[in-house]
Amino acid sequence: MSSEQEVANALPSNFDINGLSKAFGNPTEAFRILDKNDDGRVTKEDLQILLEQFGIKGFAAKTLAKYIFKKLT
């Protein structure tokens, strides 16, 4: 199974991909959404918090955040 498929399988069934894509249509809004602790940077920890808000908890959120952050940098 590919990493992308593992990520897709980890998303909750009620994950709103359309709402997320609309937010990312505006870079300033996307940054504000991603910078959860308002420190002016988007970190793995910010991504983990966001994933937890979407229902991905604990180790899965931490691992997925690390994977996403690595792919983005």
PDB file of N, CA and C in Angstrom:
ATOM      1  N   MET A   1       0.850  -1.180   0.000  1.00  0.00           N
ATOM      2  CA  MET A   1       0.000   0.000   0.000  1.00  0.00           C
ATOM      3  C   MET A   1       0.894   1.240   0.000  1.00  0.00           C
ATOM      4  N   SER A   2       0.556   2.210  -0.838  1.00  0.00           N
ATOM      5  CA  SER A   2       1.349   3.433  -0.922  1.00  0.00           C
ATOM      6  C   SER A   2       1.100   4.326   0.287  1.00  0.00           C
ATOM      7  N   SER A   3       2.047   5.233   0.547  1.00  0.00           N
ATOM      8  CA  SER A   3       1.896   6.179   1.652  1.00  0.00           C
ATOM      9  C   SER A   3       0.664   7.051   1.445  1.00  0.00           C
ATOM     10  N   GLU A   4       0.407   7.455   0.202  1.00  0.00           N
ATOM     11  CA  GLU A   4      -0.758   8.273  -0.084  1.00  0.00           C
ATOM     12  C   GLU A   4      -2.041   7.535   0.262  1.00  0.00           C
ATOM     13  N   GLN A   5      -2.082   6.244  -0.031  1.00  0.00           N
ATOM     14  CA  GLN A   5      -3.267   5.441   0.288  1.00  0.00           C
ATOM     15  C   GLN A   5      -3.423   5.300   1.794  1.00  0.00           C
ATOM     16  N   GLU A   6      -2.313   5.150   2.517  1.00  0.00           N
ATOM     17  CA  GLU A   6      -2.376   5.073   3.976  1.00  0.00           C
ATOM     18  C   GLU A   6      -2.925   6.373   4.555  1.00  0.00           C
ATOM     19  N   VAL A   7      -2.480   7.501   4.008  1.00  0.00           N
ATOM     20  CA  VAL A   7      -2.984   8.801   4.469  1.00  0.00           C
ATOM     21  C   VAL A   7      -4.483   8.887   4.190  1.00  0.00           C
ATOM     22  N   ALA A   8      -4.909   8.528   2.995  1.00  0.00           N
ATOM     23  CA  ALA A   8      -6.335   8.579   2.653  1.00  0.00           C
ATOM     24  C   ALA A   8      -7.149   7.687   3.575  1.00  0.00           C
ATOM     25  N   ASN A   9      -6.633   6.530   3.902  1.00  0.00           N
ATOM     26  CA  ASN A   9      -7.339   5.606   4.790  1.00  0.00           C
ATOM     27  C   ASN A   9      -7.427   6.132   6.220  1.00  0.00           C
ATOM     28  N   ALA A  10      -6.496   7.001   6.612  1.00  0.00           N
ATOM     29  CA  ALA A  10      -6.485   7.540   7.974  1.00  0.00           C
ATOM     30  C   ALA A  10      -7.499   8.658   8.170  1.00  0.00           C
ATOM     31  N   LEU A  11      -7.993   9.246   7.067  1.00  0.00           N
ATOM     32  CA  LEU A  11      -8.943  10.354   7.179  1.00  0.00           C
ATOM     33  C   LEU A  11     -10.308   9.840   7.615  1.00  0.00           C
ATOM     34  N   PRO A  12     -10.967  10.563   8.521  1.00  0.00           N
ATOM     35  CA  PRO A  12     -12.314  10.158   8.920  1.00  0.00           C
ATOM     36  C   PRO A  12     -13.280  10.223   7.744  1.00  0.00           C
ATOM     37  N   SER A  13     -14.331   9.440   7.778  1.00  0.00           N
ATOM     38  CA  SER A  13     -15.279   9.399   6.661  1.00  0.00           C
ATOM     39  C   SER A  13     -16.002  10.725   6.462  1.00  0.00           C
ATOM     40  N   ASN A  14     -16.079  11.557   7.514  1.00  0.00           N
ATOM     41  CA  ASN A  14     -16.775  12.836   7.388  1.00  0.00           C
ATOM     42  C   ASN A  14     -15.820  13.993   7.090  1.00  0.00           C
ATOM     43  N   PHE A  15     -14.607  13.696   6.646  1.00  0.00           N
ATOM     44  CA  PHE A  15     -13.609  14.722   6.333  1.00  0.00           C
ATOM     45  C   PHE A  15     -14.109  15.590   5.187  1.00  0.00           C
ATOM     46  N   ASP A  16     -14.123  16.906   5.377  1.00  0.00           N
ATOM     47  CA  ASP A  16     -14.660  17.841   4.388  1.00  0.00           C
ATOM     48  C   ASP A  16     -13.555  18.348   3.472  1.00  0.00           C
ATOM     49  N   ILE A  17     -13.236  17.592   2.442  1.00  0.00           N
ATOM     50  CA  ILE A  17     -12.174  17.972   1.522  1.00  0.00           C
ATOM     51  C   ILE A  17     -12.550  19.220   0.729  1.00  0.00           C
ATOM     52  N   ASN A  18     -13.838  19.426   0.439  1.00  0.00           N
ATOM     53  CA  ASN A  18     -14.259  20.622  -0.303  1.00  0.00           C
ATOM     54  C   ASN A  18     -14.069  21.880   0.527  1.00  0.00           C
ATOM     55  N   GLY A  19     -14.422  21.821   1.805  1.00  0.00           N
ATOM     56  CA  GLY A  19     -14.210  22.973   2.682  1.00  0.00           C
ATOM     57  C   GLY A  19     -12.741  23.295   2.823  1.00  0.00           C
ATOM     58  N   LEU A  20     -11.923  22.279   2.901  1.00  0.00           N
ATOM     59  CA  LEU A  20     -10.484  22.473   3.019  1.00  0.00           C
ATOM     60  C   LEU A  20      -9.917  23.095   1.753  1.00  0.00           C
ATOM     61  N   SER A  21     -10.362  22.634   0.593  1.00  0.00           N
ATOM     62  CA  SER A  21      -9.839  23.187  -0.657  1.00  0.00           C
ATOM     63  C   SER A  21     -10.282  24.634  -0.845  1.00  0.00           C
ATOM     64  N   LYS A  22     -11.462  25.005  -0.382  1.00  0.00           N
ATOM     65  CA  LYS A  22     -11.904  26.402  -0.468  1.00  0.00           C
ATOM     66  C   LYS A  22     -11.014  27.295   0.385  1.00  0.00           C
ATOM     67  N   ALA A  23     -10.647  26.839   1.567  1.00  0.00           N
ATOM     68  CA  ALA A  23      -9.774  27.613   2.454  1.00  0.00           C
ATOM     69  C   ALA A  23      -8.420  27.829   1.799  1.00  0.00           C
ATOM     70  N   PHE A  24      -7.949  26.830   1.088  1.00  0.00           N
ATOM     71  CA  PHE A  24      -6.636  26.944   0.475  1.00  0.00           C
ATOM     72  C   PHE A  24      -6.678  27.720  -0.840  1.00  0.00           C
ATOM     73  N   GLY A  25      -7.838  28.213  -1.243  1.00  0.00           N
ATOM     74  CA  GLY A  25      -7.937  29.095  -2.385  1.00  0.00           C
ATOM     75  C   GLY A  25      -7.406  30.485  -2.071  1.00  0.00           C
ATOM     76  N   ASN A  26      -7.287  30.806  -0.792  1.00  0.00           N
ATOM     77  CA  ASN A  26      -6.786  32.087  -0.333  1.00  0.00           C
ATOM     78  C   ASN A  26      -5.551  31.821   0.532  1.00  0.00           C
ATOM     79  N   PRO A  27      -4.352  32.125   0.056  1.00  0.00           N
ATOM     80  CA  PRO A  27      -3.132  31.787   0.796  1.00  0.00           C
ATOM     81  C   PRO A  27      -3.069  32.379   2.203  1.00  0.00           C
ATOM     82  N   THR A  28      -3.557  33.602   2.377  1.00  0.00           N
ATOM     83  CA  THR A  28      -3.519  34.211   3.705  1.00  0.00           C
ATOM     84  C   THR A  28      -4.414  33.460   4.669  1.00  0.00           C
ATOM     85  N   GLU A  29      -5.595  33.095   4.222  1.00  0.00           N
ATOM     86  CA  GLU A  29      -6.525  32.335   5.062  1.00  0.00           C
ATOM     87  C   GLU A  29      -5.983  30.942   5.347  1.00  0.00           C
ATOM     88  N   ALA A  30      -5.381  30.321   4.349  1.00  0.00           N
ATOM     89  CA  ALA A  30      -4.795  28.996   4.551  1.00  0.00           C
ATOM     90  C   ALA A  30      -3.698  29.043   5.602  1.00  0.00           C
ATOM     91  N   PHE A  31      -2.853  30.054   5.531  1.00  0.00           N
ATOM     92  CA  PHE A  31      -1.780  30.180   6.524  1.00  0.00           C
ATOM     93  C   PHE A  31      -2.357  30.380   7.916  1.00  0.00           C
ATOM     94  N   ARG A  32      -3.376  31.223   8.017  1.00  0.00           N
ATOM     95  CA  ARG A  32      -4.004  31.476   9.312  1.00  0.00           C
ATOM     96  C   ARG A  32      -4.598  30.188   9.884  1.00  0.00           C
ATOM     97  N   ILE A  33      -5.206  29.388   9.027  1.00  0.00           N
ATOM     98  CA  ILE A  33      -5.793  28.121   9.463  1.00  0.00           C
ATOM     99  C   ILE A  33      -4.698  27.151   9.915  1.00  0.00           C
ATOM    100  N   LEU A  34      -3.592  27.118   9.205  1.00  0.00           N
ATOM    101  CA  LEU A  34      -2.526  26.168   9.515  1.00  0.00           C
ATOM    102  C   LEU A  34      -1.663  26.576  10.708  1.00  0.00           C
ATOM    103  N   ASP A  35      -1.483  27.864  10.929  1.00  0.00           N
ATOM    104  CA  ASP A  35      -0.646  28.340  12.034  1.00  0.00           C
ATOM    105  C   ASP A  35      -1.476  28.352  13.318  1.00  0.00           C
ATOM    106  N   LYS A  36      -1.661  27.185  13.908  1.00  0.00           N
ATOM    107  CA  LYS A  36      -2.562  27.007  15.038  1.00  0.00           C
ATOM    108  C   LYS A  36      -2.134  27.748  16.292  1.00  0.00           C
ATOM    109  N   ASN A  37      -0.827  27.936  16.509  1.00  0.00           N
ATOM    110  CA  ASN A  37      -0.380  28.609  17.738  1.00  0.00           C
ATOM    111  C   ASN A  37       0.024  30.060  17.484  1.00  0.00           C
ATOM    112  N   ASP A  38      -0.276  30.582  16.309  1.00  0.00           N
ATOM    113  CA  ASP A  38      -0.041  31.994  15.957  1.00  0.00           C
ATOM    114  C   ASP A  38       1.398  32.462  16.172  1.00  0.00           C
ATOM    115  N   ASP A  39       2.356  31.598  15.863  1.00  0.00           N
ATOM    116  CA  ASP A  39       3.754  32.004  16.025  1.00  0.00           C
ATOM    117  C   ASP A  39       4.387  32.473  14.713  1.00  0.00           C
ATOM    118  N   GLY A  40       3.579  32.534  13.649  1.00  0.00           N
ATOM    119  CA  GLY A  40       4.090  33.001  12.366  1.00  0.00           C
ATOM    120  C   GLY A  40       4.763  31.929  11.538  1.00  0.00           C
ATOM    121  N   ARG A  41       4.686  30.677  11.991  1.00  0.00           N
ATOM    122  CA  ARG A  41       5.273  29.550  11.258  1.00  0.00           C
ATOM    123  C   ARG A  41       4.275  28.398  11.252  1.00  0.00           C
ATOM    124  N   VAL A  42       4.360  27.560  10.239  1.00  0.00           N
ATOM    125  CA  VAL A  42       3.575  26.332  10.217  1.00  0.00           C
ATOM    126  C   VAL A  42       4.536  25.189  10.527  1.00  0.00           C
ATOM    127  N   THR A  43       4.265  24.492  11.616  1.00  0.00           N
ATOM    128  CA  THR A  43       5.138  23.414  12.079  1.00  0.00           C
ATOM    129  C   THR A  43       4.399  22.079  12.073  1.00  0.00           C
ATOM    130  N   LYS A  44       5.143  21.010  12.333  1.00  0.00           N
ATOM    131  CA  LYS A  44       4.523  19.689  12.465  1.00  0.00           C
ATOM    132  C   LYS A  44       3.473  19.704  13.567  1.00  0.00           C
ATOM    133  N   GLU A  45       3.754  20.440  14.625  1.00  0.00           N
ATOM    134  CA  GLU A  45       2.818  20.512  15.747  1.00  0.00           C
ATOM    135  C   GLU A  45       1.505  21.181  15.321  1.00  0.00           C
ATOM    136  N   ASP A  46       1.612  22.236  14.491  1.00  0.00           N
ATOM    137  CA  ASP A  46       0.407  22.889  13.972  1.00  0.00           C
ATOM    138  C   ASP A  46      -0.418  21.903  13.147  1.00  0.00           C
ATOM    139  N   LEU A  47       0.251  21.146  12.296  1.00  0.00           N
ATOM    140  CA  LEU A  47      -0.453  20.172  11.465  1.00  0.00           C
ATOM    141  C   LEU A  47      -1.095  19.092  12.319  1.00  0.00           C
ATOM    142  N   GLN A  48      -0.415  18.669  13.378  1.00  0.00           N
ATOM    143  CA  GLN A  48      -0.970  17.656  14.271  1.00  0.00           C
ATOM    144  C   GLN A  48      -2.253  18.179  14.929  1.00  0.00           C
ATOM    145  N   ILE A  49      -2.246  19.417  15.380  1.00  0.00           N
ATOM    146  CA  ILE A  49      -3.440  20.012  15.990  1.00  0.00           C
ATOM    147  C   ILE A  49      -4.583  20.051  14.985  1.00  0.00           C
ATOM    148  N   LEU A  50      -4.290  20.448  13.756  1.00  0.00           N
ATOM    149  CA  LEU A  50      -5.303  20.508  12.711  1.00  0.00           C
ATOM    150  C   LEU A  50      -5.890  19.122  12.441  1.00  0.00           C
ATOM    151  N   LEU A  51      -5.033  18.129  12.337  1.00  0.00           N
ATOM    152  CA  LEU A  51      -5.507  16.767  12.094  1.00  0.00           C
ATOM    153  C   LEU A  51      -6.388  16.282  13.236  1.00  0.00           C
ATOM    154  N   GLU A  52      -6.016  16.620  14.456  1.00  0.00           N
ATOM    155  CA  GLU A  52      -6.824  16.227  15.610  1.00  0.00           C
ATOM    156  C   GLU A  52      -8.199  16.897  15.564  1.00  0.00           C
ATOM    157  N   GLN A  53      -8.257  18.118  15.054  1.00  0.00           N
ATOM    158  CA  GLN A  53      -9.539  18.798  14.909  1.00  0.00           C
ATOM    159  C   GLN A  53     -10.421  18.106  13.873  1.00  0.00           C
ATOM    160  N   PHE A  54      -9.790  17.424  12.916  1.00  0.00           N
ATOM    161  CA  PHE A  54     -10.538  16.666  11.908  1.00  0.00           C
ATOM    162  C   PHE A  54     -10.826  15.236  12.347  1.00  0.00           C
ATOM    163  N   GLY A  55     -10.485  14.908  13.592  1.00  0.00           N
ATOM    164  CA  GLY A  55     -10.833  13.604  14.133  1.00  0.00           C
ATOM    165  C   GLY A  55      -9.742  12.558  14.086  1.00  0.00           C
ATOM    166  N   ILE A  56      -8.559  12.910  13.632  1.00  0.00           N
ATOM    167  CA  ILE A  56      -7.435  11.970  13.622  1.00  0.00           C
ATOM    168  C   ILE A  56      -6.690  12.179  14.935  1.00  0.00           C
ATOM    169  N   LYS A  57      -6.616  11.161  15.759  1.00  0.00           N
ATOM    170  CA  LYS A  57      -6.131  11.330  17.128  1.00  0.00           C
ATOM    171  C   LYS A  57      -4.796  10.620  17.381  1.00  0.00           C
ATOM    172  N   GLY A  58      -4.133  11.064  18.453  1.00  0.00           N
ATOM    173  CA  GLY A  58      -2.969  10.402  19.015  1.00  0.00           C
ATOM    174  C   GLY A  58      -1.825  10.153  18.061  1.00  0.00           C
ATOM    175  N   PHE A  59      -1.330   8.918  18.097  1.00  0.00           N
ATOM    176  CA  PHE A  59      -0.169   8.525  17.303  1.00  0.00           C
ATOM    177  C   PHE A  59      -0.415   8.731  15.808  1.00  0.00           C
ATOM    178  N   ALA A  60      -1.639   8.452  15.356  1.00  0.00           N
ATOM    179  CA  ALA A  60      -1.961   8.616  13.931  1.00  0.00           C
ATOM    180  C   ALA A  60      -1.798  10.071  13.510  1.00  0.00           C
ATOM    181  N   ALA A  61      -2.275  11.003  14.335  1.00  0.00           N
ATOM    182  CA  ALA A  61      -2.157  12.428  14.011  1.00  0.00           C
ATOM    183  C   ALA A  61      -0.697  12.852  13.987  1.00  0.00           C
ATOM    184  N   LYS A  62       0.068  12.387  14.967  1.00  0.00           N
ATOM    185  CA  LYS A  62       1.488  12.747  15.043  1.00  0.00           C
ATOM    186  C   LYS A  62       2.250  12.215  13.834  1.00  0.00           C
ATOM    187  N   THR A  63       1.997  10.974  13.476  1.00  0.00           N
ATOM    188  CA  THR A  63       2.686  10.341  12.350  1.00  0.00           C
ATOM    189  C   THR A  63       2.290  10.988  11.027  1.00  0.00           C
ATOM    190  N   LEU A  64       1.013  11.237  10.853  1.00  0.00           N
ATOM    191  CA  LEU A  64       0.530  11.853   9.621  1.00  0.00           C
ATOM    192  C   LEU A  64       1.053  13.274   9.487  1.00  0.00           C
ATOM    193  N   ALA A  65       1.078  14.035  10.578  1.00  0.00           N
ATOM    194  CA  ALA A  65       1.613  15.402  10.550  1.00  0.00           C
ATOM    195  C   ALA A  65       3.084  15.392  10.140  1.00  0.00           C
ATOM    196  N   LYS A  66       3.835  14.456  10.685  1.00  0.00           N
ATOM    197  CA  LYS A  66       5.256  14.341  10.346  1.00  0.00           C
ATOM    198  C   LYS A  66       5.419  14.023   8.858  1.00  0.00           C
ATOM    199  N   TYR A  67       4.606  13.107   8.347  1.00  0.00           N
ATOM    200  CA  TYR A  67       4.659  12.726   6.936  1.00  0.00           C
ATOM    201  C   TYR A  67       4.315  13.918   6.034  1.00  0.00           C
ATOM    202  N   ILE A  68       3.239  14.626   6.360  1.00  0.00           N
ATOM    203  CA  ILE A  68       2.809  15.765   5.547  1.00  0.00           C
ATOM    204  C   ILE A  68       3.877  16.854   5.579  1.00  0.00           C
ATOM    205  N   PHE A  69       4.383  17.158   6.758  1.00  0.00           N
ATOM    206  CA  PHE A  69       5.394  18.212   6.885  1.00  0.00           C
ATOM    207  C   PHE A  69       6.639  17.884   6.077  1.00  0.00           C
ATOM    208  N   LYS A  70       7.042  16.618   6.109  1.00  0.00           N
ATOM    209  CA  LYS A  70       8.213  16.188   5.352  1.00  0.00           C
ATOM    210  C   LYS A  70       7.972  16.357   3.848  1.00  0.00           C
ATOM    211  N   LYS A  71       6.759  16.056   3.383  1.00  0.00           N
ATOM    212  CA  LYS A  71       6.438  16.184   1.960  1.00  0.00           C
ATOM    213  C   LYS A  71       6.367  17.643   1.527  1.00  0.00           C
ATOM    214  N   LEU A  72       5.986  18.540   2.450  1.00  0.00           N
ATOM    215  CA  LEU A  72       5.847  19.957   2.124  1.00  0.00           C
ATOM    216  C   LEU A  72       7.162  20.702   2.140  1.00  0.00           C
ATOM    217  N   THR A  73       8.145  20.176   2.831  1.00  0.00           N
ATOM    218  CA  THR A  73       9.410  20.903   2.952  1.00  0.00           C
ATOM    219  C   THR A  73      10.472  20.358   2.049  1.00  0.00           C
TER     220      THR A  73
END
